[in-house]
Amino acid sequence: MKEIDVNGYIFKYINQGNLILQKYFYYTFNVLRLLFKKVSFGKKCIFLGTILIKRSPLSFIEIGDYCDFRSKQSANLIGINRKCSLSTMNSSASIIIGNKCGFSGTVVAAFSKIELGNNIKCGANSLITDSNWHLDDPRSGQSKPIIIHDNVWLGVNVIVLKGVSIGENSVIGANSVVTKSIPPNTVAAGNPCKVIKQL
């Protein structure tokens, strides 16, 4: 007769219940923070862990429907080094995120404008910023908008820098640094990121 692992079943259901409770806790907590920060967001977003929000007065952050933010280390098996973060650094900055986008420990920081289309997948610990940051240094230059079109996939640890446009359906390989625009329907990788092949 086959033995039943009672303890295994018990721990399995306790763990499942714990995950459900965490999901509702983080959703409620993050929704309240988004409302407090005056961030526009769509329906049925998922939050695993706490998302960090810094919205400068008069700036604009919009999140579409069905977006997924993973800020807990256990929420991505590859490993997350930090929480998801959305920051507008001055009153004229904006971040616009389309529908069905996914983020794992992703930082999006705008001095100008960052626009993400629909179905964007950002691998663990990716960074998207439209500025060189050291604004007191003349070598930094002006911030320049970033546009990432629909169905783009950014691999783990990808960095997207100012003035870049990534065309629809493109894939950016892990650890790439995107300094120039990438055409649609391509696979690109490297530092600096270059097109490897057409899709």
C-alpha atoms as a PDB file:
ATOM      1  CA  MET A   1       0.000   0.000   0.000  1.00  0.00           C
ATOM      2  CA  LYS A   2       1.332   3.423  -1.003  1.00  0.00           C
ATOM      3  CA  GLU A   3       2.137   5.759   1.901  1.00  0.00           C
ATOM      4  CA  ILE A   4       0.693   9.240   1.839  1.00  0.00           C
ATOM      5  CA  ASP A   5       3.054  12.039   2.818  1.00  0.00           C
ATOM      6  CA  VAL A   6       0.646  13.919   5.071  1.00  0.00           C
ATOM      7  CA  ASN A   7       3.234  16.491   6.112  1.00  0.00           C
ATOM      8  CA  GLY A   8       4.095  17.155   2.471  1.00  0.00           C
ATOM      9  CA  TYR A   9       0.449  17.823   1.614  1.00  0.00           C
ATOM     10  CA  ILE A  10       0.022  20.070   4.637  1.00  0.00           C
ATOM     11  CA  PHE A  11       3.097  22.178   3.810  1.00  0.00           C
ATOM     12  CA  LYS A  12       2.057  22.351   0.162  1.00  0.00           C
ATOM     13  CA  TYR A  13      -1.332  23.836   1.024  1.00  0.00           C
ATOM     14  CA  ILE A  14       0.118  26.139   3.684  1.00  0.00           C
ATOM     15  CA  ASN A  15       2.597  27.443   1.107  1.00  0.00           C
ATOM     16  CA  GLN A  16      -0.149  27.943  -1.496  1.00  0.00           C
ATOM     17  CA  GLY A  17      -2.276  29.800   1.035  1.00  0.00           C
ATOM     18  CA  ASN A  18       0.704  31.935   2.008  1.00  0.00           C
ATOM     19  CA  LEU A  19       1.320  32.876  -1.635  1.00  0.00           C
ATOM     20  CA  ILE A  20      -2.328  33.857  -2.098  1.00  0.00           C
ATOM     21  CA  LEU A  21      -2.243  36.027   1.043  1.00  0.00           C
ATOM     22  CA  GLN A  22       1.004  37.671  -0.093  1.00  0.00           C
ATOM     23  CA  LYS A  23      -0.478  38.380  -3.508  1.00  0.00           C
ATOM     24  CA  TYR A  24      -3.472  40.209  -2.028  1.00  0.00           C
ATOM     25  CA  PHE A  25      -1.350  42.008   0.584  1.00  0.00           C
ATOM     26  CA  TYR A  26       1.138  43.323  -1.965  1.00  0.00           C
ATOM     27  CA  TYR A  27      -1.630  44.251  -4.411  1.00  0.00           C
ATOM     28  CA  THR A  28      -3.503  46.265  -1.782  1.00  0.00           C
ATOM     29  CA  PHE A  29      -0.336  47.890  -0.421  1.00  0.00           C
ATOM     30  CA  ASN A  30       0.989  48.877  -3.856  1.00  0.00           C
ATOM     31  CA  VAL A  31      -2.381  50.112  -5.112  1.00  0.00           C
ATOM     32  CA  LEU A  32      -2.663  52.405  -2.085  1.00  0.00           C
ATOM     33  CA  ARG A  33       0.861  53.710  -2.736  1.00  0.00           C
ATOM     34  CA  LEU A  34       0.091  54.312  -6.425  1.00  0.00           C
ATOM     35  CA  LEU A  35      -3.061  56.213  -5.506  1.00  0.00           C
ATOM     36  CA  PHE A  36      -1.157  58.254  -2.919  1.00  0.00           C
ATOM     37  CA  LYS A  37       1.570  59.060  -5.471  1.00  0.00           C
ATOM     38  CA  LYS A  38      -1.104  59.962  -8.075  1.00  0.00           C
ATOM     39  CA  VAL A  39       0.049  57.326 -10.549  1.00  0.00           C
ATOM     40  CA  SER A  40      -2.468  56.242 -13.198  1.00  0.00           C
ATOM     41  CA  PHE A  41      -2.737  52.443 -13.459  1.00  0.00           C
ATOM     42  CA  GLY A  42      -4.926  49.925 -15.278  1.00  0.00           C
ATOM     43  CA  LYS A  43      -6.846  46.842 -14.246  1.00  0.00           C
ATOM     44  CA  LYS A  44      -5.596  43.494 -12.949  1.00  0.00           C
ATOM     45  CA  CYS A  45      -1.961  44.423 -12.366  1.00  0.00           C
ATOM     46  CA  ILE A  46       0.136  42.000 -10.305  1.00  0.00           C
ATOM     47  CA  PHE A  47       2.611  43.063  -7.614  1.00  0.00           C
ATOM     48  CA  LEU A  48       4.968  40.574  -5.949  1.00  0.00           C
ATOM     49  CA  GLY A  49       6.922  42.664  -3.471  1.00  0.00           C
ATOM     50  CA  THR A  50       6.913  46.434  -3.074  1.00  0.00           C
ATOM     51  CA  ILE A  51       7.351  48.697  -6.091  1.00  0.00           C
ATOM     52  CA  LEU A  52       9.280  51.933  -5.462  1.00  0.00           C
ATOM     53  CA  ILE A  53       7.686  55.103  -6.845  1.00  0.00           C
ATOM     54  CA  LYS A  54       9.259  58.570  -7.062  1.00  0.00           C
ATOM     55  CA  ARG A  55       6.998  60.962  -8.949  1.00  0.00           C
ATOM     56  CA  SER A  56       8.077  64.580  -9.140  1.00  0.00           C
ATOM     57  CA  PRO A  57       5.224  67.105  -8.821  1.00  0.00           C
ATOM     58  CA  LEU A  58       3.412  67.728 -12.138  1.00  0.00           C
ATOM     59  CA  SER A  59       5.169  64.794 -13.818  1.00  0.00           C
ATOM     60  CA  PHE A  60       3.234  61.838 -15.216  1.00  0.00           C
ATOM     61  CA  ILE A  61       3.384  58.056 -14.689  1.00  0.00           C
ATOM     62  CA  GLU A  62       0.873  55.748 -16.373  1.00  0.00           C
ATOM     63  CA  ILE A  63       0.711  51.942 -16.098  1.00  0.00           C
ATOM     64  CA  GLY A  64      -1.500  49.922 -18.453  1.00  0.00           C
ATOM     65  CA  ASP A  65      -3.670  46.857 -17.837  1.00  0.00           C
ATOM     66  CA  TYR A  66      -2.397  43.407 -16.794  1.00  0.00           C
ATOM     67  CA  CYS A  67       1.143  44.537 -15.921  1.00  0.00           C
ATOM     68  CA  ASP A  68       3.320  42.366 -13.672  1.00  0.00           C
ATOM     69  CA  PHE A  69       5.874  43.827 -11.227  1.00  0.00           C
ATOM     70  CA  ARG A  70       8.170  41.392  -9.391  1.00  0.00           C
ATOM     71  CA  SER A  71      10.236  42.950  -6.607  1.00  0.00           C
ATOM     72  CA  LYS A  72      10.746  39.948  -4.315  1.00  0.00           C
ATOM     73  CA  GLN A  73      13.837  37.765  -4.733  1.00  0.00           C
ATOM     74  CA  SER A  74      11.646  34.661  -4.672  1.00  0.00           C
ATOM     75  CA  ALA A  75       9.435  36.047  -7.467  1.00  0.00           C
ATOM     76  CA  ASN A  76      12.011  35.314 -10.186  1.00  0.00           C
ATOM     77  CA  LEU A  77      14.123  32.149 -10.162  1.00  0.00           C
ATOM     78  CA  ILE A  78      17.006  33.910 -11.935  1.00  0.00           C
ATOM     79  CA  GLY A  79      17.341  36.234  -8.962  1.00  0.00           C
ATOM     80  CA  ILE A  80      16.404  39.865  -8.389  1.00  0.00           C
ATOM     81  CA  ASN A  81      18.969  42.286  -6.931  1.00  0.00           C
ATOM     82  CA  ARG A  82      16.557  45.139  -6.253  1.00  0.00           C
ATOM     83  CA  LYS A  83      12.923  46.210  -6.208  1.00  0.00           C
ATOM     84  CA  CYS A  84      11.092  47.481  -9.277  1.00  0.00           C
ATOM     85  CA  SER A  85      11.329  51.257  -9.407  1.00  0.00           C
ATOM     86  CA  LEU A  86       9.566  53.973 -11.435  1.00  0.00           C
ATOM     87  CA  SER A  87      10.963  57.508 -11.111  1.00  0.00           C
ATOM     88  CA  THR A  88      10.235  60.818 -12.801  1.00  0.00           C
ATOM     89  CA  MET A  89      13.064  63.161 -11.888  1.00  0.00           C
ATOM     90  CA  ASN A  90      11.508  66.532 -12.753  1.00  0.00           C
ATOM     91  CA  SER A  91       8.128  68.137 -13.426  1.00  0.00           C
ATOM     92  CA  SER A  92       8.258  67.668 -17.218  1.00  0.00           C
ATOM     93  CA  ALA A  93       9.201  63.962 -17.128  1.00  0.00           C
ATOM     94  CA  SER A  94       6.841  61.124 -18.017  1.00  0.00           C
ATOM     95  CA  ILE A  95       6.754  57.327 -17.964  1.00  0.00           C
ATOM     96  CA  ILE A  96       4.084  55.590 -20.033  1.00  0.00           C
ATOM     97  CA  ILE A  97       3.761  51.790 -19.819  1.00  0.00           C
ATOM     98  CA  GLY A  98       1.422  49.863 -22.114  1.00  0.00           C
ATOM     99  CA  ASN A  99      -0.629  46.741 -21.434  1.00  0.00           C
ATOM    100  CA  LYS A 100       0.668  43.275 -20.474  1.00  0.00           C
ATOM    101  CA  CYS A 101       4.190  44.390 -19.572  1.00  0.00           C
ATOM    102  CA  GLY A 102       6.382  42.424 -17.161  1.00  0.00           C
ATOM    103  CA  PHE A 103       9.164  43.672 -14.881  1.00  0.00           C
ATOM    104  CA  SER A 104      11.540  41.863 -12.504  1.00  0.00           C
ATOM    105  CA  GLY A 105      13.683  44.167 -10.396  1.00  0.00           C
ATOM    106  CA  THR A 106      13.516  46.692 -13.250  1.00  0.00           C
ATOM    107  CA  VAL A 107      14.428  50.364 -12.800  1.00  0.00           C
ATOM    108  CA  VAL A 108      12.753  52.920 -15.095  1.00  0.00           C
ATOM    109  CA  ALA A 109      13.994  56.475 -14.490  1.00  0.00           C
ATOM    110  CA  ALA A 110      12.927  59.428 -16.647  1.00  0.00           C
ATOM    111  CA  PHE A 111      14.198  62.991 -16.880  1.00  0.00           C
ATOM    112  CA  SER A 112      12.440  63.465 -20.221  1.00  0.00           C
ATOM    113  CA  LYS A 113      10.096  60.730 -21.530  1.00  0.00           C
ATOM    114  CA  ILE A 114      10.165  56.934 -21.480  1.00  0.00           C
ATOM    115  CA  GLU A 115       7.418  55.149 -23.374  1.00  0.00           C
ATOM    116  CA  LEU A 116       6.961  51.372 -23.356  1.00  0.00           C
ATOM    117  CA  GLY A 117       4.498  49.723 -25.736  1.00  0.00           C
ATOM    118  CA  ASN A 118       2.367  46.649 -25.108  1.00  0.00           C
ATOM    119  CA  ASN A 119       3.702  43.234 -24.123  1.00  0.00           C
ATOM    120  CA  ILE A 120       7.188  44.380 -23.110  1.00  0.00           C
ATOM    121  CA  LYS A 121       9.143  41.808 -21.080  1.00  0.00           C
ATOM    122  CA  CYS A 122      12.013  43.165 -18.976  1.00  0.00           C
ATOM    123  CA  GLY A 123      14.426  40.534 -17.655  1.00  0.00           C
ATOM    124  CA  ALA A 124      15.703  40.559 -14.096  1.00  0.00           C
ATOM    125  CA  ASN A 125      17.606  43.676 -13.004  1.00  0.00           C
ATOM    126  CA  SER A 126      17.198  45.592 -16.261  1.00  0.00           C
ATOM    127  CA  LEU A 127      17.606  49.388 -16.318  1.00  0.00           C
ATOM    128  CA  ILE A 128      15.934  51.945 -18.596  1.00  0.00           C
ATOM    129  CA  THR A 129      17.000  55.578 -18.209  1.00  0.00           C
ATOM    130  CA  ASP A 130      16.919  58.574 -20.540  1.00  0.00           C
ATOM    131  CA  SER A 131      19.733  60.536 -18.888  1.00  0.00           C
ATOM    132  CA  ASN A 132      23.421  60.276 -17.967  1.00  0.00           C
ATOM    133  CA  TRP A 133      22.381  61.605 -14.549  1.00  0.00           C
ATOM    134  CA  HIS A 134      25.333  63.813 -13.588  1.00  0.00           C
ATOM    135  CA  LEU A 135      23.539  66.963 -14.689  1.00  0.00           C
ATOM    136  CA  ASP A 136      26.101  69.293 -13.093  1.00  0.00           C
ATOM    137  CA  ASP A 137      28.782  67.868 -15.418  1.00  0.00           C
ATOM    138  CA  PRO A 138      28.669  69.366 -18.955  1.00  0.00           C
ATOM    139  CA  ARG A 139      29.824  66.030 -20.400  1.00  0.00           C
ATOM    140  CA  SER A 140      26.501  64.525 -19.356  1.00  0.00           C
ATOM    141  CA  GLY A 141      24.555  66.265 -22.130  1.00  0.00           C
ATOM    142  CA  GLN A 142      20.782  66.566 -22.422  1.00  0.00           C
ATOM    143  CA  SER A 143      18.337  63.810 -21.575  1.00  0.00           C
ATOM    144  CA  LYS A 144      16.690  62.212 -24.641  1.00  0.00           C
ATOM    145  CA  PRO A 145      13.424  60.229 -24.838  1.00  0.00           C
ATOM    146  CA  ILE A 146      13.323  56.428 -25.050  1.00  0.00           C
ATOM    147  CA  ILE A 147      10.689  54.481 -26.976  1.00  0.00           C
ATOM    148  CA  ILE A 148      10.398  50.694 -26.724  1.00  0.00           C
ATOM    149  CA  HIS A 149       7.795  49.421 -29.172  1.00  0.00           C
ATOM    150  CA  ASP A 150       5.371  46.482 -28.802  1.00  0.00           C
ATOM    151  CA  ASN A 151       6.476  42.890 -28.122  1.00  0.00           C
ATOM    152  CA  VAL A 152      10.079  43.672 -27.178  1.00  0.00           C
ATOM    153  CA  TRP A 153      11.953  41.314 -24.863  1.00  0.00           C
ATOM    154  CA  LEU A 154      14.875  42.619 -22.787  1.00  0.00           C
ATOM    155  CA  GLY A 155      17.119  39.905 -21.347  1.00  0.00           C
ATOM    156  CA  VAL A 156      18.656  39.789 -17.870  1.00  0.00           C
ATOM    157  CA  ASN A 157      20.706  42.851 -16.807  1.00  0.00           C
ATOM    158  CA  VAL A 158      20.011  44.825 -19.995  1.00  0.00           C
ATOM    159  CA  ILE A 159      20.687  48.581 -19.845  1.00  0.00           C
ATOM    160  CA  VAL A 160      18.802  50.904 -22.216  1.00  0.00           C
ATOM    161  CA  LEU A 161      20.277  54.410 -22.440  1.00  0.00           C
ATOM    162  CA  LYS A 162      19.008  57.805 -23.585  1.00  0.00           C
ATOM    163  CA  GLY A 163      17.761  58.544 -27.086  1.00  0.00           C
ATOM    164  CA  VAL A 164      17.163  54.892 -27.967  1.00  0.00           C
ATOM    165  CA  SER A 165      14.253  53.433 -29.918  1.00  0.00           C
ATOM    166  CA  ILE A 166      13.807  49.639 -29.969  1.00  0.00           C
ATOM    167  CA  GLY A 167      11.593  48.404 -32.792  1.00  0.00           C
ATOM    168  CA  GLU A 168       8.672  46.034 -32.329  1.00  0.00           C
ATOM    169  CA  ASN A 169       9.216  42.281 -31.901  1.00  0.00           C
ATOM    170  CA  SER A 170      12.937  42.686 -31.172  1.00  0.00           C
ATOM    171  CA  VAL A 171      14.941  40.713 -28.598  1.00  0.00           C
ATOM    172  CA  ILE A 172      17.853  42.209 -26.657  1.00  0.00           C
ATOM    173  CA  GLY A 173      20.323  39.656 -25.278  1.00  0.00           C
ATOM    174  CA  ALA A 174      21.349  39.402 -21.630  1.00  0.00           C
ATOM    175  CA  ASN A 175      23.874  41.926 -20.253  1.00  0.00           C
ATOM    176  CA  SER A 176      23.570  44.168 -23.318  1.00  0.00           C
ATOM    177  CA  VAL A 177      24.036  47.945 -23.173  1.00  0.00           C
ATOM    178  CA  VAL A 178      21.759  49.605 -25.729  1.00  0.00           C
ATOM    179  CA  THR A 179      23.301  52.934 -26.766  1.00  0.00           C
ATOM    180  CA  LYS A 180      21.791  53.238 -30.274  1.00  0.00           C
ATOM    181  CA  SER A 181      18.398  52.465 -31.767  1.00  0.00           C
ATOM    182  CA  ILE A 182      17.570  48.871 -32.738  1.00  0.00           C
ATOM    183  CA  PRO A 183      15.343  48.150 -35.772  1.00  0.00           C
ATOM    184  CA  PRO A 184      12.198  45.995 -35.519  1.00  0.00           C
ATOM    185  CA  ASN A 185      12.174  42.199 -35.846  1.00  0.00           C
ATOM    186  CA  THR A 186      15.813  41.692 -34.868  1.00  0.00           C
ATOM    187  CA  VAL A 187      17.952  39.979 -32.247  1.00  0.00           C
ATOM    188  CA  ALA A 188      20.611  42.298 -30.834  1.00  0.00           C
ATOM    189  CA  ALA A 189      23.225  41.863 -28.108  1.00  0.00           C
ATOM    190  CA  GLY A 190      26.535  43.100 -26.769  1.00  0.00           C
ATOM    191  CA  ASN A 191      28.183  46.163 -25.271  1.00  0.00           C
ATOM    192  CA  PRO A 192      27.493  48.277 -27.215  1.00  0.00           C
ATOM    193  CA  CYS A 193      24.417  46.399 -28.422  1.00  0.00           C
ATOM    194  CA  LYS A 194      24.442  45.471 -32.135  1.00  0.00           C
ATOM    195  CA  VAL A 195      22.074  43.549 -34.405  1.00  0.00           C
ATOM    196  CA  ILE A 196      22.997  39.857 -34.672  1.00  0.00           C
ATOM    197  CA  LYS A 197      20.229  38.590 -36.919  1.00  0.00           C
ATOM    198  CA  GLN A 198      16.804  39.287 -38.365  1.00  0.00           C
ATOM    199  CA  LEU A 199      13.714  37.505 -37.061  1.00  0.00           C
END
